[in-house]
Amino acid sequence: MFNNYCLFAQAIHDTNRDEIVMYELLLRKFDGEKWVFPSNFFQSEELEERYPIFIDWLKLEIAKVLKKLDYAKVSLNINSNQLFYLETIKMFESLRVYKDLITIEITEDLLKIPFYKSHLTANELDAFLYGKLSHLKKMGYNIILDDVGCGINCLERTNYYLPLINGIKVSLKNFELSSMALFIEAWASYARQNNMHIILENVDQAASSRQLREMGLHLQQGFLLDEPALINQYVS
């Protein structure tokens, strides 16, 4: 069922040390012509039926990727909708032997609440998701929030999850750094005050990368440094 799916990787660089610190794993689907991001996958009506099979596939792929990358550190995007499924937690339990290598990135995508959870109030829903992340944290996984300031990963949510998270990511996508500098500086100050790391993604211009380094933001990811690629291309 998932023969046309694959995990790509894009490196996260420490630009001060000129080294790769982690590879972000990215789900891709072959549409007959090229590999694309399956943007509606976690919002589809068929997800509940397909999800157990998907998780079995994903678990095996992660183990394969770690072996191919010689057990380098990786990060894996998890949509908050996936936390409603017990299979997600079970997958991380089975991968626990790799807990020191896997960082969980909680994406900014909006929630699609399953019918059987539709009775929950907003506060109860927050508590439910917090409990799932707390369980993953207790297993020993690092957790970061992706694209803070976008979607559901607002400042309020970041504050709520603060006891659980190790870092945040800020995206430059569709923005010029000059128009975002104060926004980025505010998040950088927030990260420093809370002893978290901050990663800047979608860094596509040399001038932006240089300015970020001058701001003390050396963990960067983007097309300037490298593009998402099949794992075999990274290995080669």
Protein backbone atom coordinates (compact mmCIF):
# COMPACT_ATOMS: atom_id res chain seq x y z
CA MET A 1 0.00 0.00 0.00
CA PHE A 2 2.91 2.37 0.69
CA ASN A 3 5.22 1.27 -2.12
CA ASN A 4 5.05 4.77 -3.59
CA TYR A 5 6.06 6.43 -0.30
CA CYS A 6 9.56 7.15 0.88
CA LEU A 7 11.51 9.02 3.55
CA PHE A 8 13.71 11.85 2.33
CA ALA A 9 16.28 13.60 4.51
CA GLN A 10 17.42 17.19 4.86
CA ALA A 11 20.38 18.00 7.06
CA ILE A 12 20.40 20.49 9.93
CA HIS A 13 23.77 22.22 10.10
CA ASP A 14 25.82 23.85 12.81
CA THR A 15 27.15 26.64 10.61
CA ASN A 16 29.76 27.66 13.19
CA ARG A 17 31.37 24.25 13.17
CA ASP A 18 30.50 23.44 9.55
CA GLU A 19 29.01 20.09 10.52
CA ILE A 20 25.72 18.23 10.29
CA VAL A 21 24.06 17.80 13.68
CA MET A 22 20.90 15.99 12.61
CA TYR A 23 18.88 14.85 9.61
CA GLU A 24 15.20 15.74 9.38
CA LEU A 25 13.21 12.84 7.89
CA LEU A 26 10.50 13.95 5.46
CA LEU A 27 7.60 11.86 4.16
CA ARG A 28 7.30 11.92 0.37
CA LYS A 29 4.98 10.28 -2.15
CA PHE A 30 5.71 9.55 -5.81
CA ASP A 31 2.86 11.00 -7.89
CA GLY A 32 3.90 9.35 -11.15
CA GLU A 33 6.27 12.13 -12.17
CA LYS A 34 8.09 13.32 -9.07
CA TRP A 35 8.34 12.99 -5.30
CA VAL A 36 5.94 15.33 -3.49
CA PHE A 37 4.83 16.01 0.07
CA PRO A 38 1.47 14.23 0.69
CA SER A 39 -0.10 17.36 2.17
CA ASN A 40 -3.54 15.89 2.90
CA PHE A 41 -2.37 12.53 4.21
CA PHE A 42 -3.08 13.20 7.89
CA GLN A 43 -6.39 14.92 7.13
CA SER A 44 -7.87 12.21 4.90
CA GLU A 45 -11.10 10.39 5.75
CA GLU A 46 -9.37 7.03 5.20
CA LEU A 47 -6.58 7.72 7.68
CA GLU A 48 -8.05 5.73 10.55
CA GLU A 49 -8.33 2.63 8.37
CA ARG A 50 -4.86 2.99 6.83
CA TYR A 51 -2.96 4.29 9.83
CA PRO A 52 -1.92 0.98 11.48
CA ILE A 53 -0.43 -0.17 8.17
CA PHE A 54 1.29 3.18 7.69
CA ILE A 55 2.85 3.07 11.16
CA ASP A 56 4.19 -0.45 10.58
CA TRP A 57 5.75 0.78 7.34
CA LEU A 58 7.15 3.93 8.97
CA LYS A 59 8.70 2.03 11.88
CA LEU A 60 10.60 -0.25 9.51
CA GLU A 61 11.69 2.68 7.33
CA ILE A 62 13.06 4.61 10.32
CA ALA A 63 15.13 1.61 11.40
CA LYS A 64 16.45 1.23 7.82
CA VAL A 65 17.30 4.93 7.60
CA LEU A 66 19.20 4.91 10.89
CA LYS A 67 21.27 1.98 9.68
CA LYS A 68 21.98 3.65 6.31
CA LEU A 69 23.00 6.89 8.05
CA ASP A 70 25.32 4.94 10.35
CA TYR A 71 23.06 5.76 13.31
CA ALA A 72 23.33 9.52 13.00
CA LYS A 73 20.76 11.64 14.83
CA VAL A 74 17.45 12.25 13.05
CA SER A 75 14.25 14.19 13.62
CA LEU A 76 10.80 12.97 12.65
CA ASN A 77 7.77 15.15 11.96
CA ILE A 78 4.70 14.15 13.94
CA ASN A 79 1.37 15.82 13.23
CA SER A 80 -0.63 16.35 16.44
CA ASN A 81 -3.45 14.33 14.84
CA GLN A 82 -1.19 11.29 15.07
CA LEU A 83 -1.23 11.53 18.86
CA PHE A 84 -4.87 10.41 18.84
CA TYR A 85 -3.72 6.99 17.59
CA LEU A 86 -2.32 4.43 20.01
CA GLU A 87 -0.21 3.04 17.15
CA THR A 88 1.92 6.20 17.26
CA ILE A 89 2.86 5.68 20.89
CA LYS A 90 3.47 1.97 20.29
CA MET A 91 5.80 2.80 17.40
CA PHE A 92 7.94 5.00 19.62
CA GLU A 93 7.91 2.34 22.33
CA SER A 94 9.29 -0.17 19.83
CA LEU A 95 11.91 2.35 18.63
CA ARG A 96 12.95 3.23 22.16
CA VAL A 97 16.32 1.57 21.69
CA TYR A 98 17.04 4.55 19.37
CA LYS A 99 15.63 7.22 21.71
CA ASP A 100 18.95 9.06 21.92
CA LEU A 101 19.04 9.32 18.13
CA ILE A 102 15.43 10.38 17.39
CA THR A 103 14.01 13.85 18.00
CA ILE A 104 10.24 14.25 17.64
CA GLU A 105 9.15 17.39 15.76
CA ILE A 106 5.56 18.39 16.53
CA THR A 107 4.27 20.18 13.44
CA GLU A 108 2.11 23.28 13.27
CA ASP A 109 -0.70 21.60 11.30
CA LEU A 110 -4.24 22.24 12.48
CA LEU A 111 -6.01 19.51 14.42
CA LYS A 112 -8.65 17.28 12.93
CA ILE A 113 -10.34 15.91 16.04
CA PRO A 114 -11.65 12.32 15.72
CA PHE A 115 -15.36 11.85 16.33
CA TYR A 116 -14.73 9.77 19.45
CA LYS A 117 -12.84 12.73 20.98
CA SER A 118 -15.29 15.42 19.85
CA HIS A 119 -16.84 15.60 23.33
CA LEU A 120 -13.64 17.00 24.83
CA THR A 121 -13.48 20.66 25.77
CA ALA A 122 -10.54 22.76 24.56
CA ASN A 123 -8.82 22.41 27.94
CA GLU A 124 -9.43 18.65 28.02
CA LEU A 125 -8.04 18.34 24.50
CA ASP A 126 -4.91 20.25 25.48
CA ALA A 127 -4.49 18.00 28.53
CA PHE A 128 -4.92 14.87 26.38
CA LEU A 129 -2.22 15.94 23.91
CA TYR A 130 0.05 17.10 26.73
CA GLY A 131 -0.28 13.66 28.32
CA LYS A 132 0.77 11.93 25.10
CA LEU A 133 3.83 14.15 24.71
CA SER A 134 4.68 13.70 28.37
CA HIS A 135 4.64 9.93 27.84
CA LEU A 136 7.04 10.28 24.89
CA LYS A 137 9.27 12.55 26.96
CA LYS A 138 9.38 9.99 29.78
CA MET A 139 10.51 7.39 27.26
CA GLY A 140 13.61 9.55 26.75
CA TYR A 141 12.85 11.26 23.43
CA ASN A 142 13.75 14.87 22.73
CA ILE A 143 10.79 16.95 21.52
CA ILE A 144 10.83 20.19 19.55
CA LEU A 145 8.04 22.39 18.19
CA ASP A 146 8.16 23.01 14.45
CA ASP A 147 7.39 26.40 12.86
CA VAL A 148 6.62 28.28 16.08
CA GLY A 149 4.42 31.29 15.48
CA CYS A 150 2.54 29.40 12.74
CA GLY A 151 -0.58 27.21 12.79
CA ILE A 152 -1.28 25.80 16.25
CA ASN A 153 2.30 26.25 17.47
CA CYS A 154 1.67 29.74 18.82
CA LEU A 155 3.42 31.29 21.81
CA GLU A 156 0.62 30.19 24.14
CA ARG A 157 0.98 26.56 23.07
CA THR A 158 4.76 26.76 23.28
CA ASN A 159 4.47 28.04 26.86
CA TYR A 160 2.05 25.23 27.68
CA TYR A 161 4.45 22.57 26.39
CA LEU A 162 7.54 24.26 27.84
CA PRO A 163 8.27 21.55 30.47
CA LEU A 164 8.35 18.94 27.68
CA ILE A 165 10.25 20.55 24.81
CA ASN A 166 13.96 20.78 24.11
CA GLY A 167 13.87 23.26 21.26
CA ILE A 168 11.94 25.20 18.65
CA LYS A 169 12.16 25.78 14.90
CA VAL A 170 11.46 29.07 13.12
CA SER A 171 10.78 29.10 9.38
CA LEU A 172 11.82 31.82 6.93
CA LYS A 173 9.53 30.40 4.24
CA ASN A 174 7.83 33.14 2.19
CA PHE A 175 9.52 35.87 4.25
CA GLU A 176 12.54 38.11 3.87
CA LEU A 177 14.79 38.05 6.91
CA SER A 178 14.71 41.85 7.07
CA SER A 179 10.97 41.76 7.79
CA MET A 180 11.29 38.97 10.38
CA ALA A 181 14.39 40.00 12.32
CA LEU A 182 12.52 41.27 15.40
CA PHE A 183 10.25 38.20 15.38
CA ILE A 184 13.27 35.89 15.22
CA GLU A 185 15.16 37.82 17.90
CA ALA A 186 12.15 37.51 20.21
CA TRP A 187 11.99 33.73 19.74
CA ALA A 188 15.77 33.46 20.12
CA SER A 189 15.58 35.35 23.42
CA TYR A 190 12.71 33.09 24.53
CA ALA A 191 14.76 29.99 23.67
CA ARG A 192 17.82 31.24 25.56
CA GLN A 193 15.78 32.15 28.64
CA ASN A 194 14.31 28.66 28.69
CA ASN A 195 17.57 26.82 27.91
CA MET A 196 16.33 25.50 24.56
CA HIS A 197 18.01 25.34 21.18
CA ILE A 198 16.53 27.15 18.19
CA ILE A 199 16.81 26.04 14.56
CA LEU A 200 16.19 28.35 11.60
CA GLU A 201 14.77 26.53 8.57
CA ASN A 202 14.16 27.55 4.96
CA VAL A 203 17.44 29.43 4.96
CA ASP A 204 17.93 29.83 1.22
CA GLN A 205 20.20 32.87 0.85
CA ALA A 206 23.83 33.35 1.85
CA ALA A 207 23.11 36.85 3.18
CA SER A 208 20.37 35.50 5.44
CA SER A 209 22.61 32.73 6.75
CA ARG A 210 25.36 35.22 7.50
CA GLN A 211 22.99 37.62 9.30
CA LEU A 212 21.57 34.77 11.38
CA ARG A 213 25.08 33.75 12.45
CA GLU A 214 25.74 37.35 13.46
CA MET A 215 22.59 37.10 15.62
CA GLY A 216 24.06 33.99 17.27
CA LEU A 217 21.74 31.62 15.39
CA HIS A 218 24.03 29.00 13.93
CA LEU A 219 21.70 25.97 13.71
CA GLN A 220 20.32 26.28 10.19
CA GLN A 221 18.53 24.24 7.54
CA GLY A 222 17.59 25.14 3.98
CA PHE A 223 18.26 24.95 0.26
CA LEU A 224 21.37 27.12 0.66
CA LEU A 225 22.98 24.28 2.61
CA ASP A 226 21.34 21.32 0.87
CA GLU A 227 18.01 20.17 -0.53
CA PRO A 228 15.85 17.27 0.70
CA ALA A 229 17.15 14.08 -0.89
CA LEU A 230 16.68 10.34 -0.92
CA ILE A 231 18.63 8.66 1.86
CA ASN A 232 20.85 6.84 -0.64
CA GLN A 233 21.97 10.20 -2.05
CA TYR A 234 23.09 11.32 1.41
CA VAL A 235 24.91 8.06 2.00
CA SER A 236 26.72 8.30 -1.33
